[in-house]
Amino acid sequence: MALDGRAIRLIIPARARSSRFPDKPLCSIAGVPMIIRTYRQCLKAMPAEQITVATDDERILRLCATEGADVVLTSEACLTGTDRVAEAARSRPSQYYVNVQGDEPVFNPVDIARFIDAAIQWPERLLMGYCPISDAADFTNPSIPKLVFRDDKRLLYISRAAIPTSKRHEFVMAWRQVCIYGFPPEELELYSKSESKGILEQIEDCETLRYLELGRDVFCVEMSDRSIAVDHPSDVAKVEAALLSAEPALIP
């Protein structure tokens, strides 16, 4: 199937009820709510008519509407961000969907464009972003999912554990998840039919594992290391420090 870039919809899931960081999408980053920063970064790579915010919170809906964003109110019962994207996709039909997580306020728009190019090249594939890990502290950080893949970039496993490692548990080389994903519509529907998380998905708290447990192939697309996911309140300071020294593309 040939895929035109105009037939791709980018959906930003934004959940207010995070156990680690309640109201995270609304937190201020250098005076701008995080979800707005993420949305503005996406605007640098895609036109507004192809971007949707999917949220479970009326406050986020109103904020994004004020920004001029297309926004969908989704169920609070969504198990993951991917389930939220699947629900939003039902009212926003498209040939392919790209998910940029709402807690990625300095996501590199060049990476979004690169990811869209990969989706156009392989419209039948499930895709996810990754980049090399250069810091041993990131390698052992359980908030950062690590992944391993085959030579053809087919995902083998993703874990919050420090993988791959040596016999002495040393950091040799590793790769981390970059929170951008790509889905053909039928794969989103398959994912959302699950009434509960998979066993490995529950243990690791990594939503991509549901696809592996369903027997689906996920392919990895290399990104830059510029993204900083906000998982905890302490990560806000990291993002603000990055903004102070950032190249213009990162500054909304």
Protein backbone atom coordinates (compact mmCIF):
# COMPACT_ATOMS: atom_id res chain seq x y z
CA MET A 1 0.00 0.00 0.00
CA ALA A 2 1.39 3.39 -1.01
CA LEU A 3 1.18 5.96 1.78
CA ASP A 4 1.00 9.70 1.27
CA GLY A 5 2.34 11.82 4.14
CA ARG A 6 -0.97 13.71 4.14
CA ALA A 7 -2.74 10.45 5.09
CA ILE A 8 -0.83 10.21 8.38
CA ARG A 9 -2.35 11.47 11.64
CA LEU A 10 -0.16 12.29 14.63
CA ILE A 11 -1.92 11.72 17.96
CA ILE A 12 -0.56 12.97 21.29
CA PRO A 13 -1.98 11.03 24.26
CA ALA A 14 -2.12 13.11 27.45
CA ARG A 15 -3.30 11.44 30.66
CA ALA A 16 -3.86 13.58 33.75
CA ARG A 17 -3.98 10.76 36.30
CA SER A 18 -0.38 9.57 36.30
CA SER A 19 0.52 7.77 39.53
CA ARG A 20 4.11 9.02 39.41
CA PHE A 21 3.27 12.61 38.45
CA PRO A 22 -0.41 13.67 38.77
CA ASP A 23 -1.55 16.37 36.31
CA LYS A 24 1.74 15.96 34.45
CA PRO A 25 0.51 17.38 31.08
CA LEU A 26 -0.47 20.62 32.84
CA CYS A 27 2.83 21.16 34.66
CA SER A 28 4.64 24.38 33.80
CA ILE A 29 7.94 24.15 31.94
CA ALA A 30 9.55 27.59 31.79
CA GLY A 31 6.07 29.11 31.94
CA VAL A 32 4.40 26.93 29.30
CA PRO A 33 2.24 23.86 30.07
CA MET A 34 4.04 20.68 29.04
CA ILE A 35 1.31 19.43 26.69
CA ILE A 36 1.43 22.75 24.82
CA ARG A 37 5.20 22.51 24.43
CA THR A 38 4.85 18.98 23.06
CA TYR A 39 2.11 20.07 20.66
CA ARG A 40 4.20 23.00 19.39
CA GLN A 41 7.17 20.72 18.74
CA CYS A 42 4.93 18.44 16.67
CA LEU A 43 3.67 21.47 14.72
CA LYS A 44 7.23 21.98 13.46
CA ALA A 45 7.03 18.65 11.64
CA MET A 46 3.34 18.29 10.68
CA PRO A 47 0.48 20.67 9.85
CA ALA A 48 -2.09 21.31 12.57
CA GLU A 49 -4.88 19.61 10.60
CA GLN A 50 -2.99 16.30 10.93
CA ILE A 51 -2.39 16.53 14.70
CA THR A 52 -4.81 15.51 17.47
CA VAL A 53 -4.43 15.57 21.26
CA ALA A 54 -6.20 12.68 23.02
CA THR A 55 -6.89 13.28 26.71
CA ASP A 56 -9.02 12.02 29.61
CA ASP A 57 -9.26 15.43 31.27
CA GLU A 58 -11.55 18.40 30.58
CA ARG A 59 -8.87 20.88 31.71
CA ILE A 60 -6.40 19.57 29.14
CA LEU A 61 -9.12 19.59 26.49
CA ARG A 62 -9.93 23.26 27.18
CA LEU A 63 -6.25 24.25 27.27
CA CYS A 64 -5.48 22.56 23.95
CA ALA A 65 -8.61 23.98 22.34
CA THR A 66 -7.45 27.47 23.39
CA GLU A 67 -4.15 26.73 21.64
CA GLY A 68 -6.15 25.89 18.49
CA ALA A 69 -5.37 22.16 18.61
CA ASP A 70 -7.74 19.44 17.52
CA VAL A 71 -8.51 17.52 20.72
CA VAL A 72 -10.53 14.41 21.58
CA LEU A 73 -11.85 13.52 25.04
CA THR A 74 -11.20 9.82 25.64
CA SER A 75 -12.17 7.37 28.36
CA GLU A 76 -10.46 7.38 31.73
CA ALA A 77 -10.42 3.58 31.48
CA CYS A 78 -7.78 3.44 28.72
CA LEU A 79 -5.09 1.02 29.88
CA THR A 80 -2.20 2.78 28.11
CA GLY A 81 -1.36 5.66 25.82
CA THR A 82 -1.66 3.31 22.85
CA ASP A 83 -5.20 2.38 23.92
CA ARG A 84 -5.96 6.10 24.11
CA VAL A 85 -4.57 6.63 20.60
CA ALA A 86 -6.70 3.72 19.35
CA GLU A 87 -9.84 5.26 20.85
CA ALA A 88 -9.10 8.68 19.35
CA ALA A 89 -8.32 7.09 15.97
CA ARG A 90 -11.89 5.81 15.67
CA SER A 91 -13.11 9.38 15.25
CA ARG A 92 -10.09 10.50 13.20
CA PRO A 93 -9.81 7.98 10.33
CA SER A 94 -6.43 7.84 8.62
CA GLN A 95 -4.18 5.42 6.75
CA TYR A 96 -1.45 5.48 9.42
CA TYR A 97 -1.05 6.85 12.94
CA VAL A 98 1.98 8.27 14.69
CA ASN A 99 1.99 8.60 18.49
CA VAL A 100 4.20 11.19 20.18
CA GLN A 101 3.85 10.93 23.94
CA GLY A 102 2.50 14.03 25.67
CA ASP A 103 5.38 14.04 28.17
CA GLU A 104 8.01 14.77 25.48
CA PRO A 105 8.14 18.60 25.56
CA VAL A 106 11.47 18.93 23.71
CA PHE A 107 10.95 16.19 21.16
CA ASN A 108 13.18 16.88 18.18
CA PRO A 109 10.93 17.73 15.18
CA VAL A 110 13.65 16.44 12.86
CA ASP A 111 13.10 13.03 14.45
CA ILE A 112 9.35 13.27 13.82
CA ALA A 113 10.03 13.98 10.14
CA ARG A 114 12.47 11.06 9.98
CA PHE A 115 9.91 8.78 11.61
CA ILE A 116 7.21 9.85 9.13
CA ASP A 117 9.60 9.04 6.28
CA ALA A 118 9.99 5.53 7.74
CA ALA A 119 6.20 5.15 7.95
CA ILE A 120 5.85 6.18 4.29
CA GLN A 121 8.52 3.64 3.33
CA TRP A 122 6.98 0.81 5.43
CA PRO A 123 3.26 1.62 5.88
CA GLU A 124 2.44 -1.95 6.92
CA ARG A 125 4.88 -1.94 9.86
CA LEU A 126 4.57 -1.22 13.54
CA LEU A 127 7.37 1.22 14.34
CA MET A 128 9.00 2.65 17.46
CA GLY A 129 11.85 5.06 18.05
CA TYR A 130 15.16 4.35 19.75
CA CYS A 131 18.59 5.88 20.28
CA PRO A 132 21.91 4.75 21.76
CA ILE A 133 22.58 5.15 25.48
CA SER A 134 25.83 6.94 26.27
CA ASP A 135 25.46 7.36 30.05
CA ALA A 136 25.82 4.41 32.43
CA ALA A 137 23.35 6.10 34.81
CA ASP A 138 20.66 5.96 32.11
CA PHE A 139 21.48 2.29 31.57
CA THR A 140 20.61 1.44 35.17
CA ASN A 141 17.67 3.88 35.48
CA PRO A 142 14.42 1.86 35.70
CA SER A 143 12.42 4.84 34.39
CA ILE A 144 14.18 4.44 31.03
CA PRO A 145 13.08 1.41 28.96
CA LYS A 146 15.97 -0.33 27.24
CA LEU A 147 15.53 -2.41 24.10
CA VAL A 148 17.33 -5.05 22.07
CA PHE A 149 16.71 -5.81 18.41
CA ARG A 150 17.84 -7.96 15.50
CA ASP A 151 20.11 -6.84 12.67
CA ASP A 152 17.00 -5.94 10.65
CA LYS A 153 15.86 -3.69 13.55
CA ARG A 154 13.04 -6.06 14.54
CA LEU A 155 12.40 -5.63 18.27
CA LEU A 156 13.36 -8.64 20.40
CA TYR A 157 12.52 -7.26 23.84
CA ILE A 158 12.10 -4.04 25.81
CA SER A 159 12.73 -3.82 29.54
CA ARG A 160 13.23 -1.45 32.43
CA ALA A 161 16.13 -3.66 33.46
CA ALA A 162 19.70 -2.93 32.37
CA ILE A 163 19.91 -4.88 29.11
CA PRO A 164 21.99 -6.08 27.33
CA THR A 165 24.68 -6.59 29.92
CA SER A 166 27.88 -8.60 30.45
CA LYS A 167 28.47 -11.45 32.88
CA ARG A 168 29.63 -8.83 35.39
CA HIS A 169 26.54 -6.69 34.75
CA GLU A 170 28.70 -4.05 33.04
CA PHE A 171 27.46 -1.35 30.69
CA VAL A 172 29.00 -2.14 27.31
CA MET A 173 26.50 -0.66 24.84
CA ALA A 174 22.74 -0.26 24.97
CA TRP A 175 19.76 1.51 23.43
CA ARG A 176 16.78 3.29 24.95
CA GLN A 177 13.23 3.83 23.83
CA VAL A 178 12.38 7.18 22.26
CA CYS A 179 8.66 7.74 22.81
CA ILE A 180 7.35 7.86 19.27
CA TYR A 181 5.38 4.97 17.76
CA GLY A 182 3.73 4.17 14.43
CA PHE A 183 0.65 2.04 13.75
CA PRO A 184 -1.36 0.89 10.75
CA PRO A 185 -5.07 1.22 11.71
CA GLU A 186 -5.67 -2.52 11.93
CA GLU A 187 -2.79 -2.94 14.38
CA LEU A 188 -4.24 -0.26 16.64
CA GLU A 189 -7.59 -2.05 16.64
CA LEU A 190 -5.93 -5.38 17.45
CA TYR A 191 -4.11 -3.79 20.40
CA SER A 192 -7.21 -2.13 21.79
CA LYS A 193 -9.25 -5.35 21.75
CA SER A 194 -7.25 -6.62 24.74
CA GLU A 195 -9.31 -6.25 27.91
CA SER A 196 -6.21 -6.34 30.11
CA LYS A 197 -2.49 -5.83 29.84
CA GLY A 198 -0.28 -8.77 28.89
CA ILE A 199 1.71 -10.50 31.64
CA LEU A 200 5.06 -9.07 30.51
CA GLU A 201 3.46 -5.68 29.86
CA GLN A 202 2.19 -5.62 33.44
CA ILE A 203 5.53 -6.65 34.95
CA GLU A 204 7.67 -4.24 32.93
CA ASP A 205 5.07 -1.46 32.55
CA CYS A 206 6.09 -1.17 28.88
CA GLU A 207 3.06 -0.98 26.60
CA THR A 208 4.95 -2.10 23.47
CA LEU A 209 5.32 -5.55 25.04
CA ARG A 210 1.61 -6.21 24.40
CA TYR A 211 2.37 -6.34 20.69
CA LEU A 212 5.18 -8.84 21.24
CA GLU A 213 2.88 -10.93 23.45
CA LEU A 214 0.29 -10.84 20.63
CA GLY A 215 2.93 -12.21 18.25
CA ARG A 216 3.33 -9.00 16.24
CA ASP A 217 6.61 -7.64 14.84
CA VAL A 218 7.74 -4.17 15.89
CA PHE A 219 10.55 -2.45 13.98
CA CYS A 220 12.90 0.13 15.51
CA VAL A 221 13.71 3.46 13.86
CA GLU A 222 16.84 5.29 14.99
CA MET A 223 16.30 8.78 16.38
CA SER A 224 18.57 11.42 17.89
CA ASP A 225 19.22 11.49 21.64
CA ARG A 226 17.62 14.94 22.06
CA SER A 227 14.33 13.84 23.62
CA ILE A 228 13.81 14.06 27.40
CA ALA A 229 10.78 12.22 28.73
CA VAL A 230 9.21 13.74 31.85
CA ASP A 231 8.47 10.77 34.11
CA HIS A 232 8.96 12.43 37.52
CA PRO A 233 8.71 16.04 38.81
CA SER A 234 12.52 16.15 38.98
CA ASP A 235 12.67 15.75 35.18
CA VAL A 236 11.16 19.22 34.70
CA ALA A 237 14.47 20.81 35.72
CA LYS A 238 16.30 18.68 33.13
CA VAL A 239 13.98 19.93 30.40
CA GLU A 240 14.29 23.56 31.47
CA ALA A 241 18.09 23.24 31.49
CA ALA A 242 17.95 21.76 27.99
CA LEU A 243 15.79 24.65 26.79
CA LEU A 244 18.35 27.19 28.03
CA SER A 245 21.06 25.67 25.86
CA ALA A 246 18.86 24.39 23.04
CA GLU A 247 19.12 24.88 19.32
CA PRO A 248 16.23 26.96 17.89
CA ALA A 249 14.28 23.86 16.74
CA LEU A 250 13.71 22.88 20.34
CA ILE A 251 12.36 26.23 21.49
CA PRO A 252 8.57 26.69 21.07
